[in-house]
Amino acid sequence: MLEIRNKKMVITRKAHECFGCLEEIEKGKSVVYVSAKEDEQHKSFHLHEECNKTISRDQWFAGSSLYRGCIKDALKTSEQLRSINISSIDELPFVMTKSNDKVRYRH
């Protein structure tokens, strides 16, 4: 499990790879520099500001879900879920009913 030790804003002196999305961070950009520890090993990496915000506000990344390329994987999974096409309500494992403006699920 990745344990974050310190985060700070820095201006890059050279190009880096973003730990979250794996995209290039250009030289001279404002980024988040992270010091961490994983399996008793020191680790440091850079994050785009937007990637840092995504990780900070999304509970999915808490704990062991923070890893190299995690944002890219999460976006890929999200796109796969959106592409699922259920053609019939009968294919769902539950039936939706509406009662007093509340949606209820029956198995």
PDB file of N, CA and C in Angstrom:
ATOM      1  N   MET A   1       0.836  -1.179   0.000  1.00  0.00           N
ATOM      2  CA  MET A   1       0.000   0.000   0.000  1.00  0.00           C
ATOM      3  C   MET A   1       0.884   1.247   0.000  1.00  0.00           C
ATOM      4  N   LEU A   2       0.513   2.197  -0.810  1.00  0.00           N
ATOM      5  CA  LEU A   2       1.268   3.438  -0.946  1.00  0.00           C
ATOM      6  C   LEU A   2       0.884   4.397   0.179  1.00  0.00           C
ATOM      7  N   GLU A   3       1.880   4.833   0.933  1.00  0.00           N
ATOM      8  CA  GLU A   3       1.651   5.765   2.034  1.00  0.00           C
ATOM      9  C   GLU A   3       2.254   7.119   1.671  1.00  0.00           C
ATOM     10  N   ILE A   4       1.395   8.129   1.487  1.00  0.00           N
ATOM     11  CA  ILE A   4       1.846   9.471   1.121  1.00  0.00           C
ATOM     12  C   ILE A   4       2.498  10.130   2.334  1.00  0.00           C
ATOM     13  N   ARG A   5       3.724  10.605   2.167  1.00  0.00           N
ATOM     14  CA  ARG A   5       4.456  11.275   3.242  1.00  0.00           C
ATOM     15  C   ARG A   5       4.375  12.788   3.131  1.00  0.00           C
ATOM     16  N   ASN A   6       4.476  13.309   1.896  1.00  0.00           N
ATOM     17  CA  ASN A   6       4.505  14.753   1.700  1.00  0.00           C
ATOM     18  C   ASN A   6       4.072  15.085   0.273  1.00  0.00           C
ATOM     19  N   LYS A   7       3.382  16.229   0.134  1.00  0.00           N
ATOM     20  CA  LYS A   7       3.004  16.752  -1.180  1.00  0.00           C
ATOM     21  C   LYS A   7       3.376  18.220  -1.211  1.00  0.00           C
ATOM     22  N   LYS A   8       3.890  18.675  -2.352  1.00  0.00           N
ATOM     23  CA  LYS A   8       4.158  20.107  -2.486  1.00  0.00           C
ATOM     24  C   LYS A   8       4.080  20.498  -3.961  1.00  0.00           C
ATOM     25  N   MET A   9       3.748  21.752  -4.180  1.00  0.00           N
ATOM     26  CA  MET A   9       3.687  22.295  -5.533  1.00  0.00           C
ATOM     27  C   MET A   9       5.102  22.672  -5.964  1.00  0.00           C
ATOM     28  N   VAL A  10       5.466  22.281  -7.181  1.00  0.00           N
ATOM     29  CA  VAL A  10       6.778  22.616  -7.736  1.00  0.00           C
ATOM     30  C   VAL A  10       6.621  23.008  -9.208  1.00  0.00           C
ATOM     31  N   ILE A  11       7.632  23.648  -9.739  1.00  0.00           N
ATOM     32  CA  ILE A  11       7.727  23.935 -11.170  1.00  0.00           C
ATOM     33  C   ILE A  11       8.761  22.960 -11.726  1.00  0.00           C
ATOM     34  N   THR A  12       8.396  22.199 -12.739  1.00  0.00           N
ATOM     35  CA  THR A  12       9.316  21.189 -13.270  1.00  0.00           C
ATOM     36  C   THR A  12      10.485  21.832 -14.013  1.00  0.00           C
ATOM     37  N   ARG A  13      11.661  21.224 -13.847  1.00  0.00           N
ATOM     38  CA  ARG A  13      12.861  21.681 -14.560  1.00  0.00           C
ATOM     39  C   ARG A  13      13.122  20.839 -15.801  1.00  0.00           C
ATOM     40  N   LYS A  14      12.410  19.731 -15.901  1.00  0.00           N
ATOM     41  CA  LYS A  14      12.499  18.863 -17.077  1.00  0.00           C
ATOM     42  C   LYS A  14      11.156  18.149 -17.232  1.00  0.00           C
ATOM     43  N   ALA A  15      10.981  17.442 -18.321  1.00  0.00           N
ATOM     44  CA  ALA A  15       9.737  16.704 -18.552  1.00  0.00           C
ATOM     45  C   ALA A  15       9.676  15.488 -17.624  1.00  0.00           C
ATOM     46  N   HIS A  16       8.473  15.163 -17.169  1.00  0.00           N
ATOM     47  CA  HIS A  16       8.231  14.005 -16.309  1.00  0.00           C
ATOM     48  C   HIS A  16       6.984  13.283 -16.803  1.00  0.00           C
ATOM     49  N   GLU A  17       6.756  12.101 -16.269  1.00  0.00           N
ATOM     50  CA  GLU A  17       5.529  11.368 -16.534  1.00  0.00           C
ATOM     51  C   GLU A  17       4.614  11.531 -15.327  1.00  0.00           C
ATOM     52  N   CYS A  18       3.340  11.814 -15.567  1.00  0.00           N
ATOM     53  CA  CYS A  18       2.376  11.905 -14.471  1.00  0.00           C
ATOM     54  C   CYS A  18       2.106  10.498 -13.937  1.00  0.00           C
ATOM     55  N   PHE A  19       2.200  10.329 -12.635  1.00  0.00           N
ATOM     56  CA  PHE A  19       1.982   9.037 -11.986  1.00  0.00           C
ATOM     57  C   PHE A  19       0.547   8.556 -12.170  1.00  0.00           C
ATOM     58  N   GLY A  20      -0.407   9.483 -12.213  1.00  0.00           N
ATOM     59  CA  GLY A  20      -1.817   9.108 -12.289  1.00  0.00           C
ATOM     60  C   GLY A  20      -2.299   8.753 -13.673  1.00  0.00           C
ATOM     61  N   CYS A  21      -2.009   9.610 -14.652  1.00  0.00           N
ATOM     62  CA  CYS A  21      -2.561   9.404 -16.002  1.00  0.00           C
ATOM     63  C   CYS A  21      -1.531   8.908 -17.009  1.00  0.00           C
ATOM     64  N   LEU A  22      -0.264   8.895 -16.635  1.00  0.00           N
ATOM     65  CA  LEU A  22       0.846   8.437 -17.469  1.00  0.00           C
ATOM     66  C   LEU A  22       1.141   9.343 -18.665  1.00  0.00           C
ATOM     67  N   GLU A  23       0.518  10.513 -18.701  1.00  0.00           N
ATOM     68  CA  GLU A  23       0.789  11.479 -19.768  1.00  0.00           C
ATOM     69  C   GLU A  23       2.024  12.301 -19.402  1.00  0.00           C
ATOM     70  N   GLU A  24       2.625  12.926 -20.402  1.00  0.00           N
ATOM     71  CA  GLU A  24       3.819  13.730 -20.163  1.00  0.00           C
ATOM     72  C   GLU A  24       3.473  15.038 -19.451  1.00  0.00           C
ATOM     73  N   ILE A  25       4.322  15.397 -18.517  1.00  0.00           N
ATOM     74  CA  ILE A  25       4.273  16.710 -17.876  1.00  0.00           C
ATOM     75  C   ILE A  25       5.412  17.501 -18.495  1.00  0.00           C
ATOM     76  N   GLU A  26       5.087  18.603 -19.110  1.00  0.00           N
ATOM     77  CA  GLU A  26       6.098  19.399 -19.808  1.00  0.00           C
ATOM     78  C   GLU A  26       6.993  20.167 -18.835  1.00  0.00           C
ATOM     79  N   LYS A  27       8.182  20.469 -19.294  1.00  0.00           N
ATOM     80  CA  LYS A  27       9.130  21.286 -18.539  1.00  0.00           C
ATOM     81  C   LYS A  27       8.505  22.655 -18.264  1.00  0.00           C
ATOM     82  N   GLY A  28       8.692  23.157 -17.029  1.00  0.00           N
ATOM     83  CA  GLY A  28       8.210  24.488 -16.662  1.00  0.00           C
ATOM     84  C   GLY A  28       6.771  24.542 -16.183  1.00  0.00           C
ATOM     85  N   LYS A  29       6.113  23.387 -16.042  1.00  0.00           N
ATOM     86  CA  LYS A  29       4.716  23.347 -15.591  1.00  0.00           C
ATOM     87  C   LYS A  29       4.642  23.239 -14.069  1.00  0.00           C
ATOM     88  N   SER A  30       3.576  23.788 -13.510  1.00  0.00           N
ATOM     89  CA  SER A  30       3.306  23.676 -12.078  1.00  0.00           C
ATOM     90  C   SER A  30       2.641  22.320 -11.830  1.00  0.00           C
ATOM     91  N   VAL A  31       3.248  21.520 -10.954  1.00  0.00           N
ATOM     92  CA  VAL A  31       2.751  20.169 -10.678  1.00  0.00           C
ATOM     93  C   VAL A  31       2.821  19.877  -9.180  1.00  0.00           C
ATOM     94  N   VAL A  32       2.272  18.746  -8.798  1.00  0.00           N
ATOM     95  CA  VAL A  32       2.353  18.286  -7.413  1.00  0.00           C
ATOM     96  C   VAL A  32       3.455  17.229  -7.340  1.00  0.00           C
ATOM     97  N   TYR A  33       4.434  17.479  -6.472  1.00  0.00           N
ATOM     98  CA  TYR A  33       5.516  16.525  -6.225  1.00  0.00           C
ATOM     99  C   TYR A  33       5.137  15.741  -4.973  1.00  0.00           C
ATOM    100  N   VAL A  34       5.157  14.428  -5.076  1.00  0.00           N
ATOM    101  CA  VAL A  34       4.717  13.570  -3.976  1.00  0.00           C
ATOM    102  C   VAL A  34       5.870  12.695  -3.499  1.00  0.00           C
ATOM    103  N   SER A  35       6.080  12.682  -2.178  1.00  0.00           N
ATOM    104  CA  SER A  35       7.004  11.746  -1.541  1.00  0.00           C
ATOM    105  C   SER A  35       6.147  10.700  -0.852  1.00  0.00           C
ATOM    106  N   ALA A  36       6.484   9.443  -1.075  1.00  0.00           N
ATOM    107  CA  ALA A  36       5.670   8.366  -0.515  1.00  0.00           C
ATOM    108  C   ALA A  36       6.565   7.206  -0.093  1.00  0.00           C
ATOM    109  N   LYS A  37       5.931   6.243   0.550  1.00  0.00           N
ATOM    110  CA  LYS A  37       6.626   5.042   0.988  1.00  0.00           C
ATOM    111  C   LYS A  37       5.746   3.854   0.610  1.00  0.00           C
ATOM    112  N   GLU A  38       6.374   2.851   0.017  1.00  0.00           N
ATOM    113  CA  GLU A  38       5.644   1.635  -0.347  1.00  0.00           C
ATOM    114  C   GLU A  38       6.546   0.442  -0.075  1.00  0.00           C
ATOM    115  N   ASP A  39       6.072  -0.484   0.731  1.00  0.00           N
ATOM    116  CA  ASP A  39       6.855  -1.669   1.097  1.00  0.00           C
ATOM    117  C   ASP A  39       8.249  -1.288   1.602  1.00  0.00           C
ATOM    118  N   GLU A  40       8.291  -0.325   2.502  1.00  0.00           N
ATOM    119  CA  GLU A  40       9.530   0.160   3.124  1.00  0.00           C
ATOM    120  C   GLU A  40      10.493   0.811   2.130  1.00  0.00           C
ATOM    121  N   GLN A  41      10.045   1.091   0.928  1.00  0.00           N
ATOM    122  CA  GLN A  41      10.871   1.749  -0.084  1.00  0.00           C
ATOM    123  C   GLN A  41      10.377   3.171  -0.302  1.00  0.00           C
ATOM    124  N   HIS A  42      11.320   4.129  -0.358  1.00  0.00           N
ATOM    125  CA  HIS A  42      10.966   5.513  -0.655  1.00  0.00           C
ATOM    126  C   HIS A  42      10.614   5.622  -2.131  1.00  0.00           C
ATOM    127  N   LYS A  43       9.591   6.410  -2.415  1.00  0.00           N
ATOM    128  CA  LYS A  43       9.131   6.597  -3.784  1.00  0.00           C
ATOM    129  C   LYS A  43       8.746   8.057  -3.945  1.00  0.00           C
ATOM    130  N   SER A  44       9.059   8.648  -5.078  1.00  0.00           N
ATOM    131  CA  SER A  44       8.616  10.015  -5.351  1.00  0.00           C
ATOM    132  C   SER A  44       8.115  10.069  -6.789  1.00  0.00           C
ATOM    133  N   PHE A  45       7.131  10.934  -7.010  1.00  0.00           N
ATOM    134  CA  PHE A  45       6.557  11.055  -8.346  1.00  0.00           C
ATOM    135  C   PHE A  45       5.868  12.397  -8.499  1.00  0.00           C
ATOM    136  N   HIS A  46       5.479  12.705  -9.721  1.00  0.00           N
ATOM    137  CA  HIS A  46       4.810  13.964 -10.055  1.00  0.00           C
ATOM    138  C   HIS A  46       3.389  13.677 -10.525  1.00  0.00           C
ATOM    139  N   LEU A  47       2.493  14.627 -10.251  1.00  0.00           N
ATOM    140  CA  LEU A  47       1.101  14.556 -10.704  1.00  0.00           C
ATOM    141  C   LEU A  47       0.705  15.886 -11.331  1.00  0.00           C
ATOM    142  N   HIS A  48      -0.044  15.828 -12.444  1.00  0.00           N
ATOM    143  CA  HIS A  48      -0.678  17.047 -12.939  1.00  0.00           C
ATOM    144  C   HIS A  48      -1.562  17.589 -11.813  1.00  0.00           C
ATOM    145  N   GLU A  49      -1.781  18.884 -11.772  1.00  0.00           N
ATOM    146  CA  GLU A  49      -2.667  19.453 -10.748  1.00  0.00           C
ATOM    147  C   GLU A  49      -4.058  18.831 -10.837  1.00  0.00           C
ATOM    148  N   GLU A  50      -4.568  18.652 -12.049  1.00  0.00           N
ATOM    149  CA  GLU A  50      -5.908  18.083 -12.227  1.00  0.00           C
ATOM    150  C   GLU A  50      -5.958  16.622 -11.772  1.00  0.00           C
ATOM    151  N   CYS A  51      -4.911  15.867 -12.033  1.00  0.00           N
ATOM    152  CA  CYS A  51      -4.855  14.474 -11.576  1.00  0.00           C
ATOM    153  C   CYS A  51      -4.826  14.413 -10.049  1.00  0.00           C
ATOM    154  N   ASN A  52      -4.088  15.323  -9.425  1.00  0.00           N
ATOM    155  CA  ASN A  52      -4.059  15.384  -7.968  1.00  0.00           C
ATOM    156  C   ASN A  52      -5.447  15.686  -7.409  1.00  0.00           C
ATOM    157  N   LYS A  53      -6.171  16.615  -8.040  1.00  0.00           N
ATOM    158  CA  LYS A  53      -7.534  16.944  -7.592  1.00  0.00           C
ATOM    159  C   LYS A  53      -8.455  15.742  -7.732  1.00  0.00           C
ATOM    160  N   THR A  54      -8.331  15.018  -8.835  1.00  0.00           N
ATOM    161  CA  THR A  54      -9.157  13.824  -9.055  1.00  0.00           C
ATOM    162  C   THR A  54      -8.897  12.793  -7.970  1.00  0.00           C
ATOM    163  N   ILE A  55      -7.639  12.537  -7.676  1.00  0.00           N
ATOM    164  CA  ILE A  55      -7.275  11.558  -6.647  1.00  0.00           C
ATOM    165  C   ILE A  55      -7.752  12.016  -5.274  1.00  0.00           C
ATOM    166  N   SER A  56      -7.622  13.301  -4.983  1.00  0.00           N
ATOM    167  CA  SER A  56      -8.002  13.835  -3.670  1.00  0.00           C
ATOM    168  C   SER A  56      -9.500  13.766  -3.407  1.00  0.00           C
ATOM    169  N   ARG A  57     -10.315  13.978  -4.441  1.00  0.00           N
ATOM    170  CA  ARG A  57     -11.761  14.043  -4.205  1.00  0.00           C
ATOM    171  C   ARG A  57     -12.494  12.724  -4.445  1.00  0.00           C
ATOM    172  N   ASP A  58     -11.817  11.719  -4.976  1.00  0.00           N
ATOM    173  CA  ASP A  58     -12.480  10.457  -5.292  1.00  0.00           C
ATOM    174  C   ASP A  58     -12.036   9.369  -4.320  1.00  0.00           C
ATOM    175  N   GLN A  59     -12.950   8.857  -3.524  1.00  0.00           N
ATOM    176  CA  GLN A  59     -12.637   7.843  -2.517  1.00  0.00           C
ATOM    177  C   GLN A  59     -12.138   6.539  -3.124  1.00  0.00           C
ATOM    178  N   TRP A  60     -12.415   6.313  -4.418  1.00  0.00           N
ATOM    179  CA  TRP A  60     -11.965   5.081  -5.062  1.00  0.00           C
ATOM    180  C   TRP A  60     -10.450   4.944  -4.986  1.00  0.00           C
ATOM    181  N   PHE A  61      -9.736   6.067  -4.996  1.00  0.00           N
ATOM    182  CA  PHE A  61      -8.277   6.040  -4.996  1.00  0.00           C
ATOM    183  C   PHE A  61      -7.678   5.892  -3.599  1.00  0.00           C
ATOM    184  N   ALA A  62      -8.492   5.908  -2.570  1.00  0.00           N
ATOM    185  CA  ALA A  62      -7.983   5.773  -1.200  1.00  0.00           C
ATOM    186  C   ALA A  62      -7.399   4.369  -1.003  1.00  0.00           C
ATOM    187  N   GLY A  63      -6.381   4.282  -0.210  1.00  0.00           N
ATOM    188  CA  GLY A  63      -5.795   2.981   0.106  1.00  0.00           C
ATOM    189  C   GLY A  63      -5.025   2.379  -1.053  1.00  0.00           C
ATOM    190  N   SER A  64      -5.301   1.127  -1.357  1.00  0.00           N
ATOM    191  CA  SER A  64      -4.506   0.399  -2.346  1.00  0.00           C
ATOM    192  C   SER A  64      -4.869   0.712  -3.791  1.00  0.00           C
ATOM    193  N   SER A  65      -5.861   1.565  -4.020  1.00  0.00           N
ATOM    194  CA  SER A  65      -6.243   1.890  -5.394  1.00  0.00           C
ATOM    195  C   SER A  65      -5.399   3.004  -6.000  1.00  0.00           C
ATOM    196  N   LEU A  66      -4.435   3.527  -5.261  1.00  0.00           N
ATOM    197  CA  LEU A  66      -3.528   4.544  -5.793  1.00  0.00           C
ATOM    198  C   LEU A  66      -2.266   3.838  -6.277  1.00  0.00           C
ATOM    199  N   TYR A  67      -2.085   3.808  -7.585  1.00  0.00           N
ATOM    200  CA  TYR A  67      -0.935   3.146  -8.186  1.00  0.00           C
ATOM    201  C   TYR A  67      -0.599   3.834  -9.506  1.00  0.00           C
ATOM    202  N   ARG A  68       0.534   3.528 -10.089  1.00  0.00           N
ATOM    203  CA  ARG A  68       0.970   4.142 -11.345  1.00  0.00           C
ATOM    204  C   ARG A  68      -0.052   3.827 -12.438  1.00  0.00           C
ATOM    205  N   GLY A  69      -0.639   4.863 -13.011  1.00  0.00           N
ATOM    206  CA  GLY A  69      -1.624   4.700 -14.077  1.00  0.00           C
ATOM    207  C   GLY A  69      -3.053   4.529 -13.597  1.00  0.00           C
ATOM    208  N   CYS A  70      -3.306   4.769 -12.310  1.00  0.00           N
ATOM    209  CA  CYS A  70      -4.635   4.516 -11.740  1.00  0.00           C
ATOM    210  C   CYS A  70      -5.730   5.368 -12.379  1.00  0.00           C
ATOM    211  N   ILE A  71      -5.438   6.612 -12.706  1.00  0.00           N
ATOM    212  CA  ILE A  71      -6.460   7.472 -13.315  1.00  0.00           C
ATOM    213  C   ILE A  71      -6.781   6.986 -14.721  1.00  0.00           C
ATOM    214  N   LYS A  72      -5.769   6.610 -15.461  1.00  0.00           N
ATOM    215  CA  LYS A  72      -5.976   6.089 -16.814  1.00  0.00           C
ATOM    216  C   LYS A  72      -6.839   4.826 -16.758  1.00  0.00           C
ATOM    217  N   ASP A  73      -6.554   3.931 -15.816  1.00  0.00           N
ATOM    218  CA  ASP A  73      -7.346   2.709 -15.658  1.00  0.00           C
ATOM    219  C   ASP A  73      -8.779   3.020 -15.253  1.00  0.00           C
ATOM    220  N   ALA A  74      -8.946   3.978 -14.343  1.00  0.00           N
ATOM    221  CA  ALA A  74     -10.291   4.342 -13.881  1.00  0.00           C
ATOM    222  C   ALA A  74     -11.117   4.914 -15.031  1.00  0.00           C
ATOM    223  N   LEU A  75     -10.513   5.731 -15.878  1.00  0.00           N
ATOM    224  CA  LEU A  75     -11.226   6.290 -17.030  1.00  0.00           C
ATOM    225  C   LEU A  75     -11.597   5.199 -18.021  1.00  0.00           C
ATOM    226  N   LYS A  76     -10.693   4.240 -18.224  1.00  0.00           N
ATOM    227  CA  LYS A  76     -10.957   3.129 -19.132  1.00  0.00           C
ATOM    228  C   LYS A  76     -12.138   2.297 -18.618  1.00  0.00           C
ATOM    229  N   THR A  77     -12.148   2.012 -17.305  1.00  0.00           N
ATOM    230  CA  THR A  77     -13.231   1.247 -16.694  1.00  0.00           C
ATOM    231  C   THR A  77     -14.545   2.001 -16.803  1.00  0.00           C
ATOM    232  N   SER A  78     -14.510   3.296 -16.565  1.00  0.00           N
ATOM    233  CA  SER A  78     -15.709   4.125 -16.666  1.00  0.00           C
ATOM    234  C   SER A  78     -16.277   4.100 -18.082  1.00  0.00           C
ATOM    235  N   GLU A  79     -15.413   4.187 -19.084  1.00  0.00           N
ATOM    236  CA  GLU A  79     -15.859   4.131 -20.480  1.00  0.00           C
ATOM    237  C   GLU A  79     -16.464   2.771 -20.799  1.00  0.00           C
ATOM    238  N   GLN A  80     -15.878   1.700 -20.264  1.00  0.00           N
ATOM    239  CA  GLN A  80     -16.408   0.361 -20.501  1.00  0.00           C
ATOM    240  C   GLN A  80     -17.792   0.216 -19.881  1.00  0.00           C
ATOM    241  N   LEU A  81     -17.983   0.772 -18.687  1.00  0.00           N
ATOM    242  CA  LEU A  81     -19.289   0.694 -18.037  1.00  0.00           C
ATOM    243  C   LEU A  81     -20.343   1.468 -18.817  1.00  0.00           C
ATOM    244  N   ARG A  82     -19.964   2.627 -19.346  1.00  0.00           N
ATOM    245  CA  ARG A  82     -20.911   3.422 -20.131  1.00  0.00           C
ATOM    246  C   ARG A  82     -21.285   2.735 -21.439  1.00  0.00           C
ATOM    247  N   SER A  83     -20.412   1.874 -21.941  1.00  0.00           N
ATOM    248  CA  SER A  83     -20.680   1.223 -23.222  1.00  0.00           C
ATOM    249  C   SER A  83     -21.575  -0.006 -23.089  1.00  0.00           C
ATOM    250  N   ILE A  84     -21.878  -0.430 -21.869  1.00  0.00           N
ATOM    251  CA  ILE A  84     -22.760  -1.585 -21.675  1.00  0.00           C
ATOM    252  C   ILE A  84     -24.159  -1.204 -22.123  1.00  0.00           C
ATOM    253  N   ASN A  85     -24.731  -2.031 -22.984  1.00  0.00           N
ATOM    254  CA  ASN A  85     -26.059  -1.766 -23.519  1.00  0.00           C
ATOM    255  C   ASN A  85     -26.999  -2.881 -23.078  1.00  0.00           C
ATOM    256  N   ILE A  86     -27.922  -2.553 -22.202  1.00  0.00           N
ATOM    257  CA  ILE A  86     -28.931  -3.520 -21.779  1.00  0.00           C
ATOM    258  C   ILE A  86     -30.175  -3.230 -22.594  1.00  0.00           C
ATOM    259  N   SER A  87     -30.539  -4.176 -23.444  1.00  0.00           N
ATOM    260  CA  SER A  87     -31.629  -3.933 -24.390  1.00  0.00           C
ATOM    261  C   SER A  87     -33.009  -4.123 -23.775  1.00  0.00           C
ATOM    262  N   SER A  88     -33.101  -4.872 -22.704  1.00  0.00           N
ATOM    263  CA  SER A  88     -34.411  -5.137 -22.121  1.00  0.00           C
ATOM    264  C   SER A  88     -34.357  -4.991 -20.607  1.00  0.00           C
ATOM    265  N   ILE A  89     -35.407  -4.421 -20.051  1.00  0.00           N
ATOM    266  CA  ILE A  89     -35.503  -4.279 -18.593  1.00  0.00           C
ATOM    267  C   ILE A  89     -35.530  -5.653 -17.924  1.00  0.00           C
ATOM    268  N   ASP A  90     -35.974  -6.676 -18.666  1.00  0.00           N
ATOM    269  CA  ASP A  90     -36.038  -8.035 -18.126  1.00  0.00           C
ATOM    270  C   ASP A  90     -34.652  -8.622 -17.864  1.00  0.00           C
ATOM    271  N   GLU A  91     -33.625  -8.042 -18.464  1.00  0.00           N
ATOM    272  CA  GLU A  91     -32.270  -8.550 -18.274  1.00  0.00           C
ATOM    273  C   GLU A  91     -31.652  -8.083 -16.958  1.00  0.00           C
ATOM    274  N   LEU A  92     -32.272  -7.113 -16.305  1.00  0.00           N
ATOM    275  CA  LEU A  92     -31.746  -6.614 -15.040  1.00  0.00           C
ATOM    276  C   LEU A  92     -32.045  -7.602 -13.918  1.00  0.00           C
ATOM    277  N   PRO A  93     -31.156  -7.709 -12.925  1.00  0.00           N
ATOM    278  CA  PRO A  93     -31.372  -8.645 -11.822  1.00  0.00           C
ATOM    279  C   PRO A  93     -32.396  -8.139 -10.802  1.00  0.00           C
ATOM    280  N   PHE A  94     -32.971  -6.966 -11.020  1.00  0.00           N
ATOM    281  CA  PHE A  94     -33.946  -6.394 -10.107  1.00  0.00           C
ATOM    282  C   PHE A  94     -34.965  -5.603 -10.910  1.00  0.00           C
ATOM    283  N   VAL A  95     -36.100  -5.344 -10.300  1.00  0.00           N
ATOM    284  CA  VAL A  95     -37.153  -4.567 -10.942  1.00  0.00           C
ATOM    285  C   VAL A  95     -37.283  -3.251 -10.196  1.00  0.00           C
ATOM    286  N   MET A  96     -37.344  -2.143 -10.943  1.00  0.00           N
ATOM    287  CA  MET A  96     -37.500  -0.835 -10.317  1.00  0.00           C
ATOM    288  C   MET A  96     -38.981  -0.515 -10.210  1.00  0.00           C
ATOM    289  N   THR A  97     -39.387  -0.039  -9.044  1.00  0.00           N
ATOM    290  CA  THR A  97     -40.753   0.440  -8.855  1.00  0.00           C
ATOM    291  C   THR A  97     -40.685   1.839  -8.277  1.00  0.00           C
ATOM    292  N   LYS A  98     -41.690   2.637  -8.571  1.00  0.00           N
ATOM    293  CA  LYS A  98     -41.706   4.005  -8.066  1.00  0.00           C
ATOM    294  C   LYS A  98     -42.873   4.132  -7.096  1.00  0.00           C
ATOM    295  N   SER A  99     -42.570   4.566  -5.888  1.00  0.00           N
ATOM    296  CA  SER A  99     -43.587   4.701  -4.863  1.00  0.00           C
ATOM    297  C   SER A  99     -43.336   5.990  -4.102  1.00  0.00           C
ATOM    298  N   ASN A 100     -44.326   6.881  -4.075  1.00  0.00           N
ATOM    299  CA  ASN A 100     -44.200   8.158  -3.359  1.00  0.00           C
ATOM    300  C   ASN A 100     -42.940   8.922  -3.766  1.00  0.00           C
ATOM    301  N   ASP A 101     -42.689   9.007  -5.068  1.00  0.00           N
ATOM    302  CA  ASP A 101     -41.540   9.728  -5.626  1.00  0.00           C
ATOM    303  C   ASP A 101     -40.188   9.166  -5.190  1.00  0.00           C
ATOM    304  N   LYS A 102     -40.172   7.926  -4.751  1.00  0.00           N
ATOM    305  CA  LYS A 102     -38.919   7.264  -4.397  1.00  0.00           C
ATOM    306  C   LYS A 102     -38.771   6.033  -5.285  1.00  0.00           C
ATOM    307  N   VAL A 103     -37.574   5.805  -5.741  1.00  0.00           N
ATOM    308  CA  VAL A 103     -37.322   4.618  -6.549  1.00  0.00           C
ATOM    309  C   VAL A 103     -36.927   3.495  -5.609  1.00  0.00           C
ATOM    310  N   ARG A 104     -37.588   2.369  -5.756  1.00  0.00           N
ATOM    311  CA  ARG A 104     -37.288   1.202  -4.921  1.00  0.00           C
ATOM    312  C   ARG A 104     -36.896   0.048  -5.829  1.00  0.00           C
ATOM    313  N   TYR A 105     -36.061  -0.826  -5.319  1.00  0.00           N
ATOM    314  CA  TYR A 105     -35.597  -1.971  -6.093  1.00  0.00           C
ATOM    315  C   TYR A 105     -36.092  -3.245  -5.421  1.00  0.00           C
ATOM    316  N   ARG A 106     -36.667  -4.126  -6.220  1.00  0.00           N
ATOM    317  CA  ARG A 106     -37.101  -5.430  -5.713  1.00  0.00           C
ATOM    318  C   ARG A 106     -36.305  -6.499  -6.432  1.00  0.00           C
ATOM    319  N   HIS A 107     -35.890  -7.510  -5.698  1.00  0.00           N
ATOM    320  CA  HIS A 107     -35.129  -8.624  -6.304  1.00  0.00           C
ATOM    321  C   HIS A 107     -36.068  -9.713  -6.728  1.00  0.00           C
TER     322      HIS A 107
END
